[in-house]
Amino acid sequence: MFAEFGVGVTCVDKDEEKIKALKKGDIPFYEPGLDVLVKKHLKNGRLKFSTRLQDAIDPCLVIFIAVGTPPRGDGSADMQYVEGVASEIAQKISGYKVIVTKSTVPVGTGARLRKIISKRLKEQIDFDIVSNPEFLREGSAIEDFMRPNRVVLGHRASRPSR
């Protein structure tokens, strides 16, 4: 949907078969109308798919973490994938980035990710963490994105505004 607004988007996944399919415009799940939009933006170059995280990090100011957070036996979210991606991002960034959590995560995740990323940076690099919870319904995600009934963004300033 960001590509529909004219923004260049690179989606990354470790699953090579999924990326191959997406590069052909084949969507591995059902979402009405998404296949048309994906093919349109693949053709005009605003949408790319890769298995290399670096392909998405280098040219981008904003990085969305949108990975699964399956429930654990006690009902809490399994954060291993979110934390794993945050660690990988930390090892690859070379300049200021805004890192957005789009996955369903518990309160306090931003502070947790700030610590993880800060600890794994190769050099001192400025970054911000933003929370953008998802309110998209399966089967109507395009409509929900284009005409949301609410948008929530969260950010805790760790230093004075620029």
N, C-alpha and C. Protein backbone atom coordinates (compact mmCIF):
# COMPACT_ATOMS: atom_id res chain seq x y z
N MET A 1 0.83 -1.20 0.00
CA MET A 1 0.00 0.00 0.00
C MET A 1 0.86 1.25 0.00
N PHE A 2 2.04 1.21 0.62
CA PHE A 2 2.93 2.37 0.54
C PHE A 2 3.35 2.62 -0.90
N ALA A 3 3.58 1.56 -1.66
CA ALA A 3 3.92 1.71 -3.08
C ALA A 3 2.79 2.41 -3.82
N GLU A 4 1.57 2.15 -3.46
CA GLU A 4 0.41 2.80 -4.08
C GLU A 4 0.44 4.30 -3.84
N PHE A 5 1.05 4.72 -2.74
CA PHE A 5 1.20 6.15 -2.43
C PHE A 5 2.44 6.75 -3.09
N GLY A 6 3.20 5.94 -3.83
CA GLY A 6 4.37 6.45 -4.52
C GLY A 6 5.69 6.22 -3.80
N VAL A 7 5.68 5.48 -2.71
CA VAL A 7 6.87 5.22 -1.92
C VAL A 7 7.55 3.94 -2.41
N GLY A 8 8.87 3.96 -2.52
CA GLY A 8 9.61 2.74 -2.85
C GLY A 8 9.62 1.80 -1.67
N VAL A 9 9.31 0.54 -1.90
CA VAL A 9 9.19 -0.46 -0.84
C VAL A 9 10.01 -1.70 -1.20
N THR A 10 10.78 -2.18 -0.23
CA THR A 10 11.46 -3.46 -0.39
C THR A 10 11.01 -4.37 0.74
N CYS A 11 10.44 -5.50 0.40
CA CYS A 11 9.99 -6.49 1.39
C CYS A 11 11.03 -7.60 1.46
N VAL A 12 11.36 -8.01 2.68
CA VAL A 12 12.40 -9.02 2.89
C VAL A 12 11.82 -10.20 3.63
N ASP A 13 12.18 -11.38 3.20
CA ASP A 13 11.81 -12.61 3.88
C ASP A 13 12.95 -13.61 3.66
N LYS A 14 13.17 -14.47 4.63
CA LYS A 14 14.23 -15.47 4.50
C LYS A 14 13.82 -16.64 3.62
N ASP A 15 12.54 -16.80 3.40
CA ASP A 15 12.01 -17.92 2.61
C ASP A 15 12.21 -17.63 1.11
N GLU A 16 13.21 -18.27 0.51
CA GLU A 16 13.55 -18.02 -0.89
C GLU A 16 12.41 -18.36 -1.84
N GLU A 17 11.68 -19.43 -1.57
CA GLU A 17 10.57 -19.82 -2.44
C GLU A 17 9.46 -18.77 -2.40
N LYS A 18 9.18 -18.25 -1.23
CA LYS A 18 8.16 -17.21 -1.10
C LYS A 18 8.58 -15.95 -1.87
N ILE A 19 9.84 -15.57 -1.76
CA ILE A 19 10.34 -14.39 -2.47
C ILE A 19 10.29 -14.60 -3.98
N LYS A 20 10.66 -15.79 -4.45
CA LYS A 20 10.57 -16.09 -5.89
C LYS A 20 9.14 -15.93 -6.39
N ALA A 21 8.19 -16.45 -5.63
CA ALA A 21 6.78 -16.35 -6.00
C ALA A 21 6.32 -14.88 -6.00
N LEU A 22 6.68 -14.15 -4.96
CA LEU A 22 6.28 -12.75 -4.86
C LEU A 22 6.86 -11.91 -6.00
N LYS A 23 8.08 -12.21 -6.40
CA LYS A 23 8.70 -11.49 -7.52
C LYS A 23 7.93 -11.71 -8.82
N LYS A 24 7.17 -12.80 -8.90
CA LYS A 24 6.34 -13.06 -10.07
C LYS A 24 4.92 -12.52 -9.88
N GLY A 25 4.67 -11.96 -8.70
CA GLY A 25 3.34 -11.43 -8.41
C GLY A 25 2.39 -12.45 -7.81
N ASP A 26 2.91 -13.61 -7.44
CA ASP A 26 2.08 -14.65 -6.81
C ASP A 26 2.02 -14.40 -5.31
N ILE A 27 0.84 -14.19 -4.78
CA ILE A 27 0.64 -13.89 -3.36
C ILE A 27 0.37 -15.20 -2.61
N PRO A 28 1.13 -15.48 -1.53
CA PRO A 28 0.98 -16.77 -0.83
C PRO A 28 -0.18 -16.81 0.17
N PHE A 29 -1.07 -15.83 0.13
CA PHE A 29 -2.24 -15.82 1.00
C PHE A 29 -3.36 -15.08 0.28
N TYR A 30 -4.55 -15.16 0.81
CA TYR A 30 -5.70 -14.55 0.16
C TYR A 30 -5.95 -13.15 0.71
N GLU A 31 -5.91 -12.18 -0.16
CA GLU A 31 -6.31 -10.81 0.18
C GLU A 31 -6.83 -10.18 -1.11
N PRO A 32 -8.13 -10.00 -1.22
CA PRO A 32 -8.73 -9.51 -2.47
C PRO A 32 -8.08 -8.23 -2.98
N GLY A 33 -7.66 -8.25 -4.25
CA GLY A 33 -7.09 -7.08 -4.90
C GLY A 33 -5.60 -6.89 -4.71
N LEU A 34 -5.01 -7.61 -3.79
CA LEU A 34 -3.58 -7.42 -3.52
C LEU A 34 -2.71 -7.87 -4.69
N ASP A 35 -3.11 -8.94 -5.35
CA ASP A 35 -2.31 -9.43 -6.48
C ASP A 35 -2.20 -8.37 -7.58
N VAL A 36 -3.26 -7.64 -7.84
CA VAL A 36 -3.26 -6.60 -8.86
C VAL A 36 -2.29 -5.48 -8.46
N LEU A 37 -2.34 -5.06 -7.20
CA LEU A 37 -1.46 -3.99 -6.73
C LEU A 37 0.00 -4.43 -6.74
N VAL A 38 0.27 -5.66 -6.32
CA VAL A 38 1.65 -6.16 -6.31
C VAL A 38 2.20 -6.18 -7.73
N LYS A 39 1.45 -6.71 -8.67
CA LYS A 39 1.92 -6.76 -10.07
C LYS A 39 2.14 -5.35 -10.62
N LYS A 40 1.24 -4.44 -10.33
CA LYS A 40 1.36 -3.06 -10.79
C LYS A 40 2.66 -2.42 -10.30
N HIS A 41 2.96 -2.60 -9.01
CA HIS A 41 4.12 -1.92 -8.43
C HIS A 41 5.43 -2.67 -8.66
N LEU A 42 5.36 -3.97 -8.94
CA LEU A 42 6.55 -4.67 -9.42
C LEU A 42 6.94 -4.10 -10.78
N LYS A 43 5.93 -3.91 -11.62
CA LYS A 43 6.18 -3.41 -12.98
C LYS A 43 6.72 -1.98 -12.97
N ASN A 44 6.18 -1.11 -12.11
CA ASN A 44 6.64 0.28 -12.11
C ASN A 44 7.88 0.50 -11.23
N GLY A 45 8.35 -0.58 -10.58
CA GLY A 45 9.61 -0.51 -9.83
C GLY A 45 9.50 0.01 -8.41
N ARG A 46 8.30 0.30 -7.94
CA ARG A 46 8.16 0.80 -6.56
C ARG A 46 8.13 -0.31 -5.52
N LEU A 47 7.99 -1.56 -5.97
CA LEU A 47 7.92 -2.69 -5.05
C LEU A 47 8.96 -3.72 -5.44
N LYS A 48 9.76 -4.11 -4.46
CA LYS A 48 10.80 -5.11 -4.67
C LYS A 48 10.72 -6.14 -3.55
N PHE A 49 11.20 -7.34 -3.85
CA PHE A 49 11.27 -8.41 -2.87
C PHE A 49 12.68 -8.95 -2.84
N SER A 50 13.15 -9.31 -1.65
CA SER A 50 14.52 -9.80 -1.50
C SER A 50 14.63 -10.73 -0.30
N THR A 51 15.67 -11.55 -0.33
CA THR A 51 16.00 -12.37 0.85
C THR A 51 17.13 -11.71 1.63
N ARG A 52 17.66 -10.60 1.11
CA ARG A 52 18.78 -9.90 1.75
C ARG A 52 18.29 -8.67 2.51
N LEU A 53 18.43 -8.67 3.82
CA LEU A 53 18.02 -7.54 4.64
C LEU A 53 18.73 -6.26 4.22
N GLN A 54 19.98 -6.38 3.83
CA GLN A 54 20.75 -5.21 3.42
C GLN A 54 20.08 -4.45 2.27
N ASP A 55 19.38 -5.17 1.38
CA ASP A 55 18.70 -4.53 0.25
C ASP A 55 17.63 -3.55 0.71
N ALA A 56 17.05 -3.82 1.86
CA ALA A 56 16.01 -2.94 2.39
C ALA A 56 16.58 -1.87 3.31
N ILE A 57 17.68 -2.14 3.95
CA ILE A 57 18.23 -1.20 4.92
C ILE A 57 18.97 -0.04 4.27
N ASP A 58 19.85 -0.33 3.35
CA ASP A 58 20.69 0.72 2.77
C ASP A 58 19.91 1.91 2.21
N PRO A 59 18.93 1.69 1.32
CA PRO A 59 18.29 2.85 0.69
C PRO A 59 17.14 3.47 1.51
N CYS A 60 16.81 2.89 2.66
CA CYS A 60 15.60 3.31 3.37
C CYS A 60 15.88 4.13 4.62
N LEU A 61 15.00 5.06 4.89
CA LEU A 61 15.03 5.82 6.14
C LEU A 61 14.19 5.10 7.19
N VAL A 62 13.08 4.49 6.75
CA VAL A 62 12.16 3.83 7.66
C VAL A 62 12.16 2.33 7.40
N ILE A 63 12.30 1.56 8.47
CA ILE A 63 12.32 0.10 8.39
C ILE A 63 11.19 -0.44 9.26
N PHE A 64 10.27 -1.19 8.66
CA PHE A 64 9.17 -1.80 9.40
C PHE A 64 9.55 -3.22 9.78
N ILE A 65 9.36 -3.57 11.03
CA ILE A 65 9.49 -4.96 11.47
C ILE A 65 8.08 -5.52 11.52
N ALA A 66 7.79 -6.44 10.62
CA ALA A 66 6.45 -7.02 10.52
C ALA A 66 6.62 -8.53 10.42
N VAL A 67 6.86 -9.16 11.56
CA VAL A 67 7.07 -10.60 11.62
C VAL A 67 6.09 -11.21 12.61
N GLY A 68 5.99 -12.51 12.56
CA GLY A 68 5.07 -13.21 13.45
C GLY A 68 5.46 -13.11 14.92
N THR A 69 4.44 -13.04 15.76
CA THR A 69 4.64 -13.11 17.21
C THR A 69 3.65 -14.15 17.75
N PRO A 70 3.92 -15.41 17.45
CA PRO A 70 2.97 -16.46 17.86
C PRO A 70 2.83 -16.52 19.38
N PRO A 71 1.65 -16.92 19.85
CA PRO A 71 1.45 -17.00 21.30
C PRO A 71 2.22 -18.18 21.90
N ARG A 72 2.76 -17.94 23.08
CA ARG A 72 3.42 -19.02 23.83
C ARG A 72 2.33 -19.77 24.61
N GLY A 73 2.71 -20.82 25.26
CA GLY A 73 1.77 -21.62 26.04
C GLY A 73 1.02 -20.81 27.09
N ASP A 74 1.67 -19.77 27.64
CA ASP A 74 1.02 -18.96 28.67
C ASP A 74 0.23 -17.78 28.09
N GLY A 75 0.18 -17.69 26.74
CA GLY A 75 -0.58 -16.63 26.10
C GLY A 75 0.24 -15.39 25.75
N SER A 76 1.45 -15.30 26.26
CA SER A 76 2.31 -14.15 25.94
C SER A 76 2.87 -14.30 24.53
N ALA A 77 3.27 -13.18 23.94
CA ALA A 77 3.81 -13.19 22.58
C ALA A 77 5.24 -13.72 22.57
N ASP A 78 5.53 -14.59 21.61
CA ASP A 78 6.89 -15.08 21.40
C ASP A 78 7.63 -14.01 20.60
N MET A 79 8.56 -13.33 21.23
CA MET A 79 9.24 -12.18 20.64
C MET A 79 10.53 -12.53 19.90
N GLN A 80 10.84 -13.83 19.76
CA GLN A 80 12.14 -14.20 19.17
C GLN A 80 12.33 -13.66 17.76
N TYR A 81 11.29 -13.60 16.95
CA TYR A 81 11.45 -13.13 15.57
C TYR A 81 11.63 -11.61 15.52
N VAL A 82 10.88 -10.90 16.31
CA VAL A 82 11.02 -9.44 16.38
C VAL A 82 12.42 -9.08 16.87
N GLU A 83 12.85 -9.73 17.93
CA GLU A 83 14.18 -9.45 18.49
C GLU A 83 15.29 -9.87 17.53
N GLY A 84 15.08 -10.97 16.82
CA GLY A 84 16.07 -11.43 15.85
C GLY A 84 16.25 -10.44 14.71
N VAL A 85 15.15 -9.91 14.19
CA VAL A 85 15.23 -8.93 13.11
C VAL A 85 15.88 -7.65 13.64
N ALA A 86 15.53 -7.23 14.84
CA ALA A 86 16.14 -6.03 15.42
C ALA A 86 17.66 -6.20 15.54
N SER A 87 18.10 -7.36 15.95
CA SER A 87 19.54 -7.64 16.04
C SER A 87 20.21 -7.57 14.68
N GLU A 88 19.55 -8.14 13.67
CA GLU A 88 20.11 -8.10 12.31
C GLU A 88 20.18 -6.67 11.78
N ILE A 89 19.14 -5.89 12.04
CA ILE A 89 19.13 -4.49 11.61
C ILE A 89 20.30 -3.75 12.25
N ALA A 90 20.50 -3.95 13.53
CA ALA A 90 21.58 -3.26 14.26
C ALA A 90 22.94 -3.54 13.63
N GLN A 91 23.14 -4.74 13.16
CA GLN A 91 24.43 -5.11 12.59
C GLN A 91 24.63 -4.55 11.18
N LYS A 92 23.55 -4.05 10.55
CA LYS A 92 23.64 -3.63 9.15
C LYS A 92 23.45 -2.14 8.92
N ILE A 93 22.91 -1.40 9.89
CA ILE A 93 22.68 0.02 9.63
C ILE A 93 23.98 0.81 9.72
N SER A 94 24.05 1.83 8.87
CA SER A 94 25.24 2.67 8.86
C SER A 94 24.89 4.14 8.98
N GLY A 95 23.64 4.44 9.18
CA GLY A 95 23.18 5.81 9.35
C GLY A 95 21.83 5.83 10.03
N TYR A 96 21.33 7.03 10.31
CA TYR A 96 20.07 7.18 11.03
C TYR A 96 18.93 6.42 10.36
N LYS A 97 18.13 5.72 11.18
CA LYS A 97 16.95 4.99 10.70
C LYS A 97 15.82 5.16 11.71
N VAL A 98 14.61 5.09 11.20
CA VAL A 98 13.42 4.99 12.03
C VAL A 98 12.99 3.53 11.92
N ILE A 99 12.92 2.85 13.04
CA ILE A 99 12.58 1.42 13.06
C ILE A 99 11.18 1.31 13.67
N VAL A 100 10.25 0.79 12.89
CA VAL A 100 8.84 0.74 13.27
C VAL A 100 8.44 -0.70 13.56
N THR A 101 7.85 -0.92 14.73
CA THR A 101 7.30 -2.24 15.03
C THR A 101 5.86 -2.27 14.53
N LYS A 102 5.60 -3.15 13.58
CA LYS A 102 4.27 -3.33 13.03
C LYS A 102 3.67 -4.65 13.53
N SER A 103 4.53 -5.51 14.07
CA SER A 103 4.07 -6.78 14.62
C SER A 103 3.28 -6.53 15.89
N THR A 104 2.45 -7.49 16.26
CA THR A 104 1.70 -7.40 17.50
C THR A 104 2.65 -7.68 18.66
N VAL A 105 2.95 -6.64 19.43
CA VAL A 105 3.95 -6.75 20.48
C VAL A 105 3.41 -6.17 21.79
N PRO A 106 3.95 -6.63 22.91
CA PRO A 106 3.48 -6.11 24.21
C PRO A 106 4.05 -4.72 24.52
N VAL A 107 3.41 -4.06 25.46
CA VAL A 107 3.88 -2.77 25.96
C VAL A 107 5.32 -2.92 26.43
N GLY A 108 6.15 -1.95 26.13
CA GLY A 108 7.55 -1.98 26.54
C GLY A 108 8.49 -2.52 25.48
N THR A 109 7.94 -2.97 24.34
CA THR A 109 8.78 -3.54 23.29
C THR A 109 9.74 -2.51 22.73
N GLY A 110 9.30 -1.28 22.58
CA GLY A 110 10.18 -0.23 22.04
C GLY A 110 11.45 -0.08 22.87
N ALA A 111 11.29 0.00 24.19
CA ALA A 111 12.46 0.12 25.08
C ALA A 111 13.34 -1.12 24.98
N ARG A 112 12.71 -2.27 24.89
CA ARG A 112 13.45 -3.53 24.78
C ARG A 112 14.27 -3.57 23.49
N LEU A 113 13.65 -3.16 22.38
CA LEU A 113 14.36 -3.16 21.10
C LEU A 113 15.46 -2.11 21.08
N ARG A 114 15.24 -0.97 21.71
CA ARG A 114 16.28 0.06 21.79
C ARG A 114 17.54 -0.52 22.45
N LYS A 115 17.36 -1.29 23.52
CA LYS A 115 18.50 -1.90 24.21
C LYS A 115 19.20 -2.93 23.32
N ILE A 116 18.41 -3.77 22.68
CA ILE A 116 18.97 -4.81 21.81
C ILE A 116 19.77 -4.18 20.68
N ILE A 117 19.19 -3.19 20.03
CA ILE A 117 19.86 -2.55 18.89
C ILE A 117 21.10 -1.80 19.35
N SER A 118 20.96 -1.02 20.41
CA SER A 118 22.11 -0.24 20.91
C SER A 118 23.29 -1.14 21.25
N LYS A 119 23.00 -2.29 21.84
CA LYS A 119 24.05 -3.23 22.25
C LYS A 119 24.77 -3.85 21.05
N ARG A 120 24.07 -4.01 19.92
CA ARG A 120 24.64 -4.73 18.78
C ARG A 120 25.16 -3.83 17.65
N LEU A 121 25.01 -2.52 17.79
CA LEU A 121 25.52 -1.62 16.76
C LEU A 121 27.03 -1.74 16.64
N LYS A 122 27.52 -1.68 15.42
CA LYS A 122 28.97 -1.74 15.18
C LYS A 122 29.64 -0.43 15.59
N GLU A 123 28.89 0.67 15.46
CA GLU A 123 29.40 1.99 15.85
C GLU A 123 28.22 2.79 16.37
N GLN A 124 28.48 3.92 17.00
CA GLN A 124 27.40 4.74 17.54
C GLN A 124 26.60 5.35 16.39
N ILE A 125 25.36 4.93 16.25
CA ILE A 125 24.47 5.42 15.20
C ILE A 125 23.15 5.82 15.84
N ASP A 126 22.63 6.94 15.41
CA ASP A 126 21.36 7.44 15.91
C ASP A 126 20.21 6.68 15.24
N PHE A 127 19.19 6.33 16.01
CA PHE A 127 18.00 5.67 15.46
C PHE A 127 16.83 5.94 16.40
N ASP A 128 15.65 5.79 15.88
CA ASP A 128 14.44 5.91 16.69
C ASP A 128 13.60 4.66 16.52
N ILE A 129 12.84 4.35 17.56
CA ILE A 129 11.91 3.23 17.54
C ILE A 129 10.50 3.81 17.62
N VAL A 130 9.63 3.36 16.73
CA VAL A 130 8.25 3.82 16.68
C VAL A 130 7.34 2.61 16.67
N SER A 131 6.23 2.71 17.37
CA SER A 131 5.24 1.64 17.37
C SER A 131 4.07 2.06 16.49
N ASN A 132 3.62 1.15 15.62
CA ASN A 132 2.50 1.40 14.73
C ASN A 132 1.65 0.13 14.68
N PRO A 133 0.82 -0.07 15.73
CA PRO A 133 0.01 -1.30 15.77
C PRO A 133 -0.89 -1.43 14.55
N GLU A 134 -1.11 -2.65 14.17
CA GLU A 134 -1.89 -2.95 12.97
C GLU A 134 -3.35 -3.19 13.30
N PHE A 135 -4.22 -2.58 12.52
CA PHE A 135 -5.66 -2.77 12.67
C PHE A 135 -6.27 -3.20 11.34
N LEU A 136 -5.54 -4.02 10.58
CA LEU A 136 -6.03 -4.48 9.29
C LEU A 136 -6.75 -5.81 9.46
N ARG A 137 -7.92 -5.89 8.84
CA ARG A 137 -8.70 -7.13 8.90
C ARG A 137 -8.42 -7.97 7.67
N GLU A 138 -8.23 -9.25 7.88
CA GLU A 138 -8.01 -10.16 6.76
C GLU A 138 -9.21 -10.11 5.83
N GLY A 139 -8.96 -9.98 4.55
CA GLY A 139 -10.03 -9.91 3.57
C GLY A 139 -10.45 -8.49 3.23
N SER A 140 -10.07 -7.53 4.06
CA SER A 140 -10.38 -6.12 3.78
C SER A 140 -9.19 -5.22 4.14
N ALA A 141 -8.00 -5.78 4.08
CA ALA A 141 -6.79 -5.04 4.49
C ALA A 141 -6.53 -3.83 3.61
N ILE A 142 -6.77 -3.93 2.31
CA ILE A 142 -6.53 -2.79 1.42
C ILE A 142 -7.46 -1.64 1.81
N GLU A 143 -8.72 -1.91 1.96
CA GLU A 143 -9.68 -0.88 2.36
C GLU A 143 -9.33 -0.31 3.74
N ASP A 144 -8.96 -1.16 4.68
CA ASP A 144 -8.59 -0.70 6.02
C ASP A 144 -7.37 0.21 5.99
N PHE A 145 -6.41 -0.11 5.11
CA PHE A 145 -5.21 0.72 5.00
C PHE A 145 -5.52 2.06 4.35
N MET A 146 -6.29 2.03 3.28
CA MET A 146 -6.59 3.25 2.53
C MET A 146 -7.57 4.17 3.26
N ARG A 147 -8.46 3.60 4.03
CA ARG A 147 -9.46 4.38 4.77
C ARG A 147 -9.56 3.87 6.21
N PRO A 148 -8.49 4.07 6.98
CA PRO A 148 -8.47 3.53 8.34
C PRO A 148 -9.48 4.24 9.26
N ASN A 149 -10.05 3.46 10.17
CA ASN A 149 -10.92 4.10 11.16
C ASN A 149 -10.12 4.59 12.35
N ARG A 150 -8.83 4.21 12.41
CA ARG A 150 -7.92 4.75 13.42
C ARG A 150 -6.49 4.42 13.01
N VAL A 151 -5.58 5.31 13.39
CA VAL A 151 -4.15 5.10 13.19
C VAL A 151 -3.49 5.43 14.51
N VAL A 152 -2.66 4.53 14.99
CA VAL A 152 -1.97 4.74 16.25
C VAL A 152 -0.47 4.70 15.99
N LEU A 153 0.21 5.73 16.44
CA LEU A 153 1.67 5.78 16.38
C LEU A 153 2.18 6.08 17.77
N GLY A 154 3.27 5.47 18.16
CA GLY A 154 3.85 5.74 19.46
C GLY A 154 5.34 5.89 19.36
N HIS A 155 5.86 6.86 20.08
CA HIS A 155 7.30 7.13 20.09
C HIS A 155 7.65 7.79 21.41
N ARG A 156 8.71 7.36 21.99
CA ARG A 156 9.20 7.98 23.21
C ARG A 156 10.49 8.73 22.88
N ALA A 157 10.45 10.04 23.00
CA ALA A 157 11.64 10.84 22.67
C ALA A 157 12.73 10.55 23.71
N SER A 158 13.89 10.16 23.21
CA SER A 158 15.01 9.87 24.11
C SER A 158 15.99 11.03 24.14
N ARG A 159 15.71 12.06 23.35
CA ARG A 159 16.57 13.22 23.31
C ARG A 159 15.73 14.40 22.81
N PRO A 160 16.23 15.61 22.91
CA PRO A 160 15.45 16.76 22.43
C PRO A 160 15.14 16.63 20.94
N SER A 161 14.04 17.21 20.52
CA SER A 161 13.65 17.17 19.11
C SER A 161 14.71 17.84 18.25
N ARG A 162 14.79 17.38 17.00
CA ARG A 162 15.75 17.95 16.07
C ARG A 162 15.27 19.25 15.53
